[in-house]
Amino acid sequence: VCQSLMNEYSFLPDYEYAAFDFHKSAWGASKRKLKRALNWLGLAEWLERRGMFQTEVQRRVIRAMDDADLVISSPGGYLHDYYNYAQRLTVFELILSRNKPLVLLAQSIGPFWKSENLDRLKAAMNKMLMISVREAVSMGHLEILGIDRQRLWLTTDNAFLLYDKDRK
């Protein structure tokens, strides 16, 4: 719908969701099964970071990312151990590996109690330009994780980030 209303802009899915075009062909379904097997072996993320198994849409997302001055990951509450955020973390690492400034906007983050992603999460977040959180509870989760306080901003909504600059 957005594309039809604003055709001067290019809309692409999140990188991890762009993988779904694997289902469009028998070859794509085979690649998906192979990727599942490699994931079970612990090799899928390593291969994906090197461009293996990327769909055409994922390649378009990478090109858009490479052309961007700044990458913004915006609202959500998916960064906690109730959900599996490993794929999103891999995308953050991909963005940062391409030397792109990354900003997380208006997130609810944490709690974290599973140890398998904590080191990766801390490393990625400490490389981000800015992380805004929607409430003090999330701020506390990030402080416990050891995220650099200078990267963190507490705001109830993205609109309030602009309040001091434009009170109208």
N, C-alpha and C. Protein backbone atom coordinates (compact mmCIF):
# COMPACT_ATOMS: atom_id res chain seq x y z
N VAL A 1 0.84 -1.19 0.00
CA VAL A 1 0.00 0.00 0.00
C VAL A 1 0.88 1.25 0.00
N CYS A 2 1.92 1.25 0.87
CA CYS A 2 2.81 2.41 0.93
C CYS A 2 3.48 2.65 -0.43
N GLN A 3 3.91 1.59 -1.08
CA GLN A 3 4.59 1.72 -2.37
C GLN A 3 3.66 2.38 -3.39
N SER A 4 2.38 2.02 -3.39
CA SER A 4 1.44 2.61 -4.34
C SER A 4 1.16 4.08 -4.04
N LEU A 5 1.26 4.48 -2.78
CA LEU A 5 1.02 5.87 -2.41
C LEU A 5 2.26 6.75 -2.55
N MET A 6 3.44 6.15 -2.42
CA MET A 6 4.69 6.92 -2.46
C MET A 6 5.68 6.20 -3.38
N ASN A 7 5.37 6.18 -4.66
CA ASN A 7 6.21 5.42 -5.59
C ASN A 7 7.57 6.04 -5.86
N GLU A 8 7.85 7.21 -5.31
CA GLU A 8 9.20 7.78 -5.43
C GLU A 8 10.17 7.12 -4.46
N TYR A 9 9.65 6.34 -3.52
CA TYR A 9 10.47 5.63 -2.55
C TYR A 9 10.48 4.14 -2.84
N SER A 10 11.51 3.49 -2.38
CA SER A 10 11.62 2.05 -2.54
C SER A 10 11.37 1.39 -1.19
N PHE A 11 10.43 0.48 -1.14
CA PHE A 11 10.11 -0.25 0.08
C PHE A 11 10.59 -1.69 -0.05
N LEU A 12 11.36 -2.11 0.90
CA LEU A 12 11.87 -3.47 0.92
C LEU A 12 11.57 -4.10 2.28
N PRO A 13 11.44 -5.42 2.33
CA PRO A 13 11.21 -6.06 3.63
C PRO A 13 12.48 -6.09 4.46
N ASP A 14 12.32 -6.36 5.75
CA ASP A 14 13.49 -6.61 6.60
C ASP A 14 14.28 -7.75 5.98
N TYR A 15 15.58 -7.69 6.12
CA TYR A 15 16.47 -8.68 5.50
C TYR A 15 16.05 -10.11 5.81
N GLU A 16 15.77 -10.41 7.08
CA GLU A 16 15.45 -11.80 7.42
C GLU A 16 14.13 -12.27 6.83
N TYR A 17 13.19 -11.34 6.57
CA TYR A 17 11.91 -11.72 5.96
C TYR A 17 12.00 -11.82 4.44
N ALA A 18 13.03 -11.25 3.87
CA ALA A 18 13.22 -11.34 2.42
C ALA A 18 13.63 -12.74 1.99
N ALA A 19 13.93 -13.61 2.92
CA ALA A 19 14.29 -14.99 2.61
C ALA A 19 13.09 -15.81 2.17
N PHE A 20 11.87 -15.31 2.41
CA PHE A 20 10.69 -16.11 2.11
C PHE A 20 10.46 -16.35 0.64
N ASP A 21 11.15 -15.64 -0.27
CA ASP A 21 10.94 -15.94 -1.68
C ASP A 21 11.60 -17.26 -2.10
N PHE A 22 12.22 -17.97 -1.14
CA PHE A 22 12.70 -19.32 -1.41
C PHE A 22 11.55 -20.24 -1.83
N HIS A 23 10.35 -19.98 -1.38
CA HIS A 23 9.23 -20.87 -1.63
C HIS A 23 8.66 -20.76 -3.03
N LYS A 24 9.17 -19.89 -3.86
CA LYS A 24 8.58 -19.64 -5.17
C LYS A 24 8.94 -20.69 -6.21
N SER A 25 9.86 -21.57 -5.91
CA SER A 25 10.24 -22.58 -6.89
C SER A 25 10.69 -23.85 -6.18
N ALA A 26 10.81 -24.93 -6.96
CA ALA A 26 11.30 -26.20 -6.41
C ALA A 26 12.74 -26.01 -5.94
N TRP A 27 13.56 -25.27 -6.71
CA TRP A 27 14.94 -25.00 -6.31
C TRP A 27 14.96 -24.21 -5.01
N GLY A 28 14.06 -23.25 -4.91
CA GLY A 28 13.98 -22.45 -3.69
C GLY A 28 13.61 -23.30 -2.48
N ALA A 29 12.66 -24.21 -2.66
CA ALA A 29 12.28 -25.10 -1.56
C ALA A 29 13.45 -25.99 -1.16
N SER A 30 14.22 -26.44 -2.14
CA SER A 30 15.41 -27.27 -1.85
C SER A 30 16.45 -26.46 -1.07
N LYS A 31 16.65 -25.20 -1.49
CA LYS A 31 17.60 -24.34 -0.77
C LYS A 31 17.15 -24.14 0.68
N ARG A 32 15.84 -23.99 0.87
CA ARG A 32 15.32 -23.78 2.22
C ARG A 32 15.58 -25.02 3.09
N LYS A 33 15.37 -26.21 2.53
CA LYS A 33 15.63 -27.45 3.28
C LYS A 33 17.11 -27.58 3.60
N LEU A 34 17.95 -27.25 2.63
CA LEU A 34 19.39 -27.30 2.86
C LEU A 34 19.79 -26.30 3.94
N LYS A 35 19.20 -25.11 3.88
CA LYS A 35 19.51 -24.10 4.89
C LYS A 35 19.08 -24.58 6.28
N ARG A 36 17.92 -25.25 6.37
CA ARG A 36 17.47 -25.79 7.65
C ARG A 36 18.47 -26.80 8.19
N ALA A 37 18.97 -27.67 7.31
CA ALA A 37 19.95 -28.68 7.73
C ALA A 37 21.24 -28.01 8.20
N LEU A 38 21.68 -26.99 7.46
CA LEU A 38 22.90 -26.27 7.84
C LEU A 38 22.70 -25.51 9.15
N ASN A 39 21.48 -25.02 9.36
CA ASN A 39 21.17 -24.36 10.62
C ASN A 39 21.29 -25.35 11.77
N TRP A 40 20.78 -26.55 11.58
CA TRP A 40 20.87 -27.59 12.60
C TRP A 40 22.33 -27.91 12.90
N LEU A 41 23.19 -27.85 11.88
CA LEU A 41 24.62 -28.11 12.05
C LEU A 41 25.38 -26.90 12.60
N GLY A 42 24.69 -25.75 12.70
CA GLY A 42 25.33 -24.54 13.21
C GLY A 42 26.12 -23.78 12.16
N LEU A 43 25.87 -24.05 10.88
CA LEU A 43 26.64 -23.41 9.81
C LEU A 43 25.85 -22.35 9.03
N ALA A 44 24.54 -22.30 9.18
CA ALA A 44 23.72 -21.42 8.34
C ALA A 44 24.07 -19.94 8.51
N GLU A 45 24.20 -19.47 9.75
CA GLU A 45 24.51 -18.05 9.97
C GLU A 45 25.87 -17.70 9.38
N TRP A 46 26.84 -18.57 9.57
CA TRP A 46 28.19 -18.33 9.04
C TRP A 46 28.15 -18.20 7.53
N LEU A 47 27.42 -19.10 6.85
CA LEU A 47 27.33 -19.04 5.40
C LEU A 47 26.53 -17.83 4.94
N GLU A 48 25.47 -17.50 5.66
CA GLU A 48 24.64 -16.36 5.27
C GLU A 48 25.41 -15.05 5.37
N ARG A 49 26.25 -14.91 6.39
CA ARG A 49 27.05 -13.70 6.52
C ARG A 49 28.01 -13.54 5.34
N ARG A 50 28.30 -14.62 4.66
CA ARG A 50 29.19 -14.58 3.50
C ARG A 50 28.42 -14.56 2.18
N GLY A 51 27.10 -14.35 2.25
CA GLY A 51 26.30 -14.19 1.05
C GLY A 51 25.72 -15.47 0.48
N MET A 52 25.98 -16.60 1.11
CA MET A 52 25.42 -17.85 0.63
C MET A 52 23.93 -17.88 0.94
N PHE A 53 23.16 -18.46 0.05
CA PHE A 53 21.72 -18.65 0.23
C PHE A 53 20.93 -17.35 0.24
N GLN A 54 21.52 -16.26 -0.17
CA GLN A 54 20.75 -15.02 -0.23
C GLN A 54 19.78 -15.08 -1.40
N THR A 55 18.57 -14.58 -1.16
CA THR A 55 17.59 -14.46 -2.22
C THR A 55 17.87 -13.15 -2.98
N GLU A 56 17.22 -12.99 -4.11
CA GLU A 56 17.37 -11.75 -4.87
C GLU A 56 16.89 -10.56 -4.06
N VAL A 57 15.81 -10.73 -3.32
CA VAL A 57 15.30 -9.63 -2.49
C VAL A 57 16.31 -9.29 -1.40
N GLN A 58 16.93 -10.29 -0.79
CA GLN A 58 17.96 -10.01 0.21
C GLN A 58 19.13 -9.25 -0.41
N ARG A 59 19.50 -9.60 -1.63
CA ARG A 59 20.59 -8.86 -2.31
C ARG A 59 20.18 -7.41 -2.54
N ARG A 60 18.90 -7.17 -2.87
CA ARG A 60 18.42 -5.79 -3.04
C ARG A 60 18.47 -5.03 -1.72
N VAL A 61 18.12 -5.71 -0.62
CA VAL A 61 18.18 -5.08 0.70
C VAL A 61 19.63 -4.71 1.02
N ILE A 62 20.56 -5.61 0.72
CA ILE A 62 22.00 -5.34 0.96
C ILE A 62 22.45 -4.14 0.14
N ARG A 63 22.05 -4.07 -1.13
CA ARG A 63 22.44 -2.92 -1.95
C ARG A 63 21.87 -1.62 -1.38
N ALA A 64 20.61 -1.65 -0.93
CA ALA A 64 20.00 -0.46 -0.32
C ALA A 64 20.75 -0.08 0.95
N MET A 65 21.12 -1.09 1.72
CA MET A 65 21.87 -0.85 2.96
C MET A 65 23.22 -0.21 2.64
N ASP A 66 23.90 -0.72 1.63
CA ASP A 66 25.20 -0.18 1.25
C ASP A 66 25.09 1.26 0.76
N ASP A 67 23.95 1.61 0.16
CA ASP A 67 23.75 2.98 -0.33
C ASP A 67 23.30 3.95 0.75
N ALA A 68 22.89 3.43 1.90
CA ALA A 68 22.34 4.26 2.98
C ALA A 68 23.44 4.94 3.79
N ASP A 69 23.13 6.11 4.31
CA ASP A 69 24.03 6.81 5.22
C ASP A 69 23.82 6.34 6.66
N LEU A 70 22.62 5.85 6.95
CA LEU A 70 22.22 5.46 8.29
C LEU A 70 21.15 4.38 8.18
N VAL A 71 21.21 3.38 9.03
CA VAL A 71 20.18 2.34 9.06
C VAL A 71 19.43 2.45 10.38
N ILE A 72 18.09 2.49 10.28
CA ILE A 72 17.24 2.62 11.45
C ILE A 72 16.39 1.35 11.57
N SER A 73 16.46 0.75 12.74
CA SER A 73 15.59 -0.38 13.06
C SER A 73 14.57 0.16 14.03
N SER A 74 13.31 0.16 13.62
CA SER A 74 12.33 0.87 14.45
C SER A 74 11.24 -0.03 14.99
N PRO A 75 10.35 0.62 15.72
CA PRO A 75 9.64 0.09 16.86
C PRO A 75 9.39 -1.40 16.89
N GLY A 76 9.53 -1.87 18.09
CA GLY A 76 9.29 -3.27 18.35
C GLY A 76 9.59 -3.61 19.78
N GLY A 77 9.18 -4.78 20.14
CA GLY A 77 9.47 -5.28 21.47
C GLY A 77 9.96 -6.71 21.37
N TYR A 78 10.74 -6.97 20.34
CA TYR A 78 11.14 -8.34 20.03
C TYR A 78 12.51 -8.72 20.56
N LEU A 79 13.22 -7.83 21.21
CA LEU A 79 14.57 -8.13 21.69
C LEU A 79 14.52 -8.53 23.16
N HIS A 80 14.16 -9.76 23.38
CA HIS A 80 14.12 -10.34 24.72
C HIS A 80 14.10 -11.84 24.57
N ASP A 81 14.31 -12.53 25.68
CA ASP A 81 14.43 -13.98 25.62
C ASP A 81 13.10 -14.73 25.59
N TYR A 82 11.98 -14.02 25.55
CA TYR A 82 10.71 -14.70 25.32
C TYR A 82 10.59 -15.08 23.84
N TYR A 83 11.21 -14.28 22.95
CA TYR A 83 11.25 -14.55 21.51
C TYR A 83 12.67 -14.95 21.14
N ASN A 84 12.78 -15.62 20.01
CA ASN A 84 14.10 -15.92 19.46
C ASN A 84 14.50 -14.74 18.57
N TYR A 85 15.49 -14.00 18.97
CA TYR A 85 15.91 -12.82 18.21
C TYR A 85 17.23 -13.07 17.47
N ALA A 86 17.65 -14.30 17.34
CA ALA A 86 18.95 -14.61 16.73
C ALA A 86 19.04 -14.10 15.29
N GLN A 87 17.96 -14.25 14.50
CA GLN A 87 18.01 -13.76 13.12
C GLN A 87 18.15 -12.25 13.08
N ARG A 88 17.41 -11.55 13.93
CA ARG A 88 17.52 -10.09 13.96
C ARG A 88 18.91 -9.67 14.39
N LEU A 89 19.49 -10.38 15.33
CA LEU A 89 20.85 -10.11 15.78
C LEU A 89 21.84 -10.30 14.64
N THR A 90 21.63 -11.33 13.83
CA THR A 90 22.49 -11.56 12.67
C THR A 90 22.38 -10.39 11.69
N VAL A 91 21.18 -9.84 11.54
CA VAL A 91 21.00 -8.68 10.66
C VAL A 91 21.73 -7.46 11.24
N PHE A 92 21.62 -7.25 12.56
CA PHE A 92 22.36 -6.15 13.17
C PHE A 92 23.85 -6.30 12.90
N GLU A 93 24.38 -7.51 13.06
CA GLU A 93 25.80 -7.77 12.82
C GLU A 93 26.16 -7.53 11.36
N LEU A 94 25.26 -7.90 10.46
CA LEU A 94 25.49 -7.67 9.03
C LEU A 94 25.58 -6.17 8.74
N ILE A 95 24.64 -5.41 9.28
CA ILE A 95 24.64 -3.95 9.09
C ILE A 95 25.94 -3.34 9.63
N LEU A 96 26.29 -3.71 10.84
CA LEU A 96 27.50 -3.16 11.47
C LEU A 96 28.77 -3.60 10.75
N SER A 97 28.78 -4.81 10.20
CA SER A 97 29.97 -5.28 9.47
C SER A 97 30.19 -4.49 8.19
N ARG A 98 29.15 -3.82 7.71
CA ARG A 98 29.24 -3.01 6.50
C ARG A 98 29.55 -1.55 6.86
N ASN A 99 29.91 -1.32 8.14
CA ASN A 99 30.29 0.01 8.63
C ASN A 99 29.18 1.03 8.46
N LYS A 100 27.96 0.60 8.70
CA LYS A 100 26.82 1.51 8.63
C LYS A 100 26.39 1.88 10.05
N PRO A 101 26.19 3.17 10.32
CA PRO A 101 25.66 3.55 11.63
C PRO A 101 24.26 2.95 11.79
N LEU A 102 24.01 2.36 12.94
CA LEU A 102 22.74 1.69 13.19
C LEU A 102 22.09 2.30 14.43
N VAL A 103 20.80 2.63 14.29
CA VAL A 103 20.02 3.21 15.36
C VAL A 103 18.82 2.31 15.63
N LEU A 104 18.58 1.99 16.89
CA LEU A 104 17.35 1.30 17.30
C LEU A 104 16.42 2.33 17.89
N LEU A 105 15.20 2.43 17.37
CA LEU A 105 14.25 3.43 17.86
C LEU A 105 13.11 2.79 18.63
N ALA A 106 12.78 3.41 19.75
CA ALA A 106 11.60 3.11 20.57
C ALA A 106 11.39 1.63 20.80
N GLN A 107 12.38 0.99 21.36
CA GLN A 107 12.30 -0.43 21.64
C GLN A 107 11.92 -0.70 23.08
N SER A 108 11.24 -1.83 23.27
CA SER A 108 11.15 -2.44 24.59
C SER A 108 12.15 -3.58 24.52
N ILE A 109 13.12 -3.59 25.42
CA ILE A 109 14.23 -4.53 25.32
C ILE A 109 14.37 -5.30 26.63
N GLY A 110 14.61 -6.60 26.50
CA GLY A 110 14.82 -7.46 27.66
C GLY A 110 13.51 -7.95 28.22
N PRO A 111 13.59 -8.81 29.19
CA PRO A 111 14.76 -9.28 29.92
C PRO A 111 15.53 -10.37 29.16
N PHE A 112 16.75 -10.60 29.61
CA PHE A 112 17.62 -11.61 29.02
C PHE A 112 18.06 -12.58 30.10
N TRP A 113 17.85 -13.85 29.88
CA TRP A 113 18.31 -14.86 30.82
C TRP A 113 18.98 -16.03 30.12
N LYS A 114 18.83 -16.12 28.79
CA LYS A 114 19.48 -17.19 28.03
C LYS A 114 20.88 -16.72 27.65
N SER A 115 21.85 -17.54 27.89
CA SER A 115 23.23 -17.11 27.70
C SER A 115 23.72 -17.20 26.26
N GLU A 116 23.01 -17.92 25.37
CA GLU A 116 23.59 -18.20 24.05
C GLU A 116 23.80 -16.97 23.16
N ASN A 117 23.05 -15.89 23.35
CA ASN A 117 23.20 -14.71 22.49
C ASN A 117 23.73 -13.48 23.21
N LEU A 118 23.96 -13.56 24.52
CA LEU A 118 24.29 -12.37 25.30
C LEU A 118 25.57 -11.68 24.84
N ASP A 119 26.63 -12.43 24.58
CA ASP A 119 27.88 -11.81 24.15
C ASP A 119 27.72 -11.12 22.81
N ARG A 120 27.03 -11.78 21.88
CA ARG A 120 26.78 -11.18 20.56
C ARG A 120 25.92 -9.94 20.67
N LEU A 121 24.88 -10.01 21.50
CA LEU A 121 23.98 -8.88 21.67
C LEU A 121 24.72 -7.69 22.26
N LYS A 122 25.51 -7.92 23.29
CA LYS A 122 26.26 -6.85 23.93
C LYS A 122 27.26 -6.23 22.94
N ALA A 123 27.96 -7.07 22.19
CA ALA A 123 28.94 -6.57 21.21
C ALA A 123 28.26 -5.71 20.15
N ALA A 124 27.12 -6.19 19.62
CA ALA A 124 26.42 -5.43 18.58
C ALA A 124 25.87 -4.12 19.12
N MET A 125 25.23 -4.17 20.29
CA MET A 125 24.62 -2.95 20.83
C MET A 125 25.66 -1.91 21.22
N ASN A 126 26.84 -2.35 21.63
CA ASN A 126 27.88 -1.39 21.98
C ASN A 126 28.55 -0.79 20.75
N LYS A 127 28.17 -1.22 19.55
CA LYS A 127 28.64 -0.61 18.31
C LYS A 127 27.58 0.27 17.66
N MET A 128 26.35 0.21 18.17
CA MET A 128 25.26 0.99 17.59
C MET A 128 25.42 2.47 17.92
N LEU A 129 24.96 3.30 17.02
CA LEU A 129 25.05 4.74 17.22
C LEU A 129 24.14 5.19 18.36
N MET A 130 22.92 4.66 18.40
CA MET A 130 21.96 5.07 19.41
C MET A 130 20.92 3.97 19.60
N ILE A 131 20.45 3.82 20.83
CA ILE A 131 19.37 2.90 21.15
C ILE A 131 18.37 3.68 22.00
N SER A 132 17.16 3.86 21.49
CA SER A 132 16.15 4.51 22.32
C SER A 132 15.20 3.44 22.83
N VAL A 133 14.84 3.56 24.09
CA VAL A 133 13.93 2.60 24.71
C VAL A 133 12.69 3.33 25.20
N ARG A 134 11.59 2.58 25.31
CA ARG A 134 10.30 3.19 25.61
C ARG A 134 10.01 3.32 27.10
N GLU A 135 10.82 2.68 27.93
CA GLU A 135 10.53 2.73 29.36
C GLU A 135 11.77 2.42 30.17
N ALA A 136 11.74 2.80 31.43
CA ALA A 136 12.90 2.63 32.32
C ALA A 136 13.25 1.16 32.54
N VAL A 137 12.28 0.27 32.47
CA VAL A 137 12.54 -1.16 32.65
C VAL A 137 13.53 -1.63 31.59
N SER A 138 13.30 -1.24 30.32
CA SER A 138 14.23 -1.62 29.24
C SER A 138 15.60 -1.00 29.46
N MET A 139 15.64 0.23 29.92
CA MET A 139 16.91 0.87 30.21
C MET A 139 17.69 0.05 31.23
N GLY A 140 16.99 -0.43 32.24
CA GLY A 140 17.61 -1.26 33.26
C GLY A 140 18.17 -2.56 32.69
N HIS A 141 17.43 -3.18 31.77
CA HIS A 141 17.91 -4.42 31.15
C HIS A 141 19.20 -4.17 30.38
N LEU A 142 19.29 -3.03 29.70
CA LEU A 142 20.50 -2.71 28.93
C LEU A 142 21.67 -2.37 29.84
N GLU A 143 21.39 -1.70 30.95
CA GLU A 143 22.45 -1.40 31.90
C GLU A 143 23.00 -2.68 32.52
N ILE A 144 22.13 -3.63 32.85
CA ILE A 144 22.58 -4.92 33.38
C ILE A 144 23.43 -5.65 32.34
N LEU A 145 23.04 -5.53 31.06
CA LEU A 145 23.78 -6.18 29.97
C LEU A 145 25.15 -5.54 29.77
N GLY A 146 25.32 -4.31 30.24
CA GLY A 146 26.61 -3.63 30.11
C GLY A 146 26.73 -2.78 28.85
N ILE A 147 25.60 -2.25 28.39
CA ILE A 147 25.61 -1.39 27.20
C ILE A 147 26.07 0.01 27.60
N ASP A 148 26.94 0.59 26.79
CA ASP A 148 27.48 1.93 27.01
C ASP A 148 26.32 2.92 27.19
N ARG A 149 26.25 3.55 28.34
CA ARG A 149 25.16 4.46 28.70
C ARG A 149 25.03 5.63 27.73
N GLN A 150 26.13 6.04 27.11
CA GLN A 150 26.09 7.18 26.18
C GLN A 150 25.30 6.85 24.91
N ARG A 151 25.07 5.58 24.63
CA ARG A 151 24.31 5.18 23.45
C ARG A 151 22.81 5.11 23.72
N LEU A 152 22.41 5.20 24.99
CA LEU A 152 21.03 4.94 25.38
C LEU A 152 20.22 6.21 25.57
N TRP A 153 18.98 6.19 25.10
CA TRP A 153 18.05 7.30 25.25
C TRP A 153 16.72 6.73 25.71
N LEU A 154 16.15 7.33 26.73
CA LEU A 154 14.85 6.91 27.24
C LEU A 154 13.79 7.86 26.70
N THR A 155 12.80 7.33 26.01
CA THR A 155 11.71 8.13 25.48
C THR A 155 10.45 7.28 25.48
N THR A 156 9.32 7.89 25.66
CA THR A 156 8.07 7.13 25.66
C THR A 156 7.58 6.87 24.25
N ASP A 157 7.97 7.70 23.31
CA ASP A 157 7.52 7.57 21.94
C ASP A 157 8.52 8.29 21.04
N ASN A 158 8.64 7.86 19.79
CA ASN A 158 9.57 8.52 18.88
C ASN A 158 9.29 10.01 18.74
N ALA A 159 8.03 10.39 18.77
CA ALA A 159 7.68 11.81 18.62
C ALA A 159 8.34 12.67 19.67
N PHE A 160 8.51 12.14 20.89
CA PHE A 160 9.10 12.93 21.96
C PHE A 160 10.60 13.14 21.78
N LEU A 161 11.25 12.39 20.89
CA LEU A 161 12.66 12.63 20.60
C LEU A 161 12.85 14.01 19.96
N LEU A 162 11.82 14.51 19.29
CA LEU A 162 11.91 15.79 18.59
C LEU A 162 11.36 16.94 19.41
N TYR A 163 10.82 16.68 20.57
CA TYR A 163 10.11 17.69 21.34
C TYR A 163 10.93 18.95 21.62
N ASP A 164 12.16 18.79 22.07
CA ASP A 164 12.96 19.97 22.41
C ASP A 164 13.34 20.78 21.16
N LYS A 165 13.41 20.14 20.02
CA LYS A 165 13.80 20.83 18.79
C LYS A 165 12.63 21.56 18.14
N ASP A 166 11.43 21.01 18.27
CA ASP A 166 10.27 21.60 17.59
C ASP A 166 9.03 21.41 18.46
N ARG A 167 8.80 22.33 19.38
CA ARG A 167 7.69 22.19 20.33
C ARG A 167 6.33 22.38 19.68
N LYS A 168 6.26 22.76 18.44
CA LYS A 168 4.98 22.92 17.75
C LYS A 168 4.38 21.58 17.44
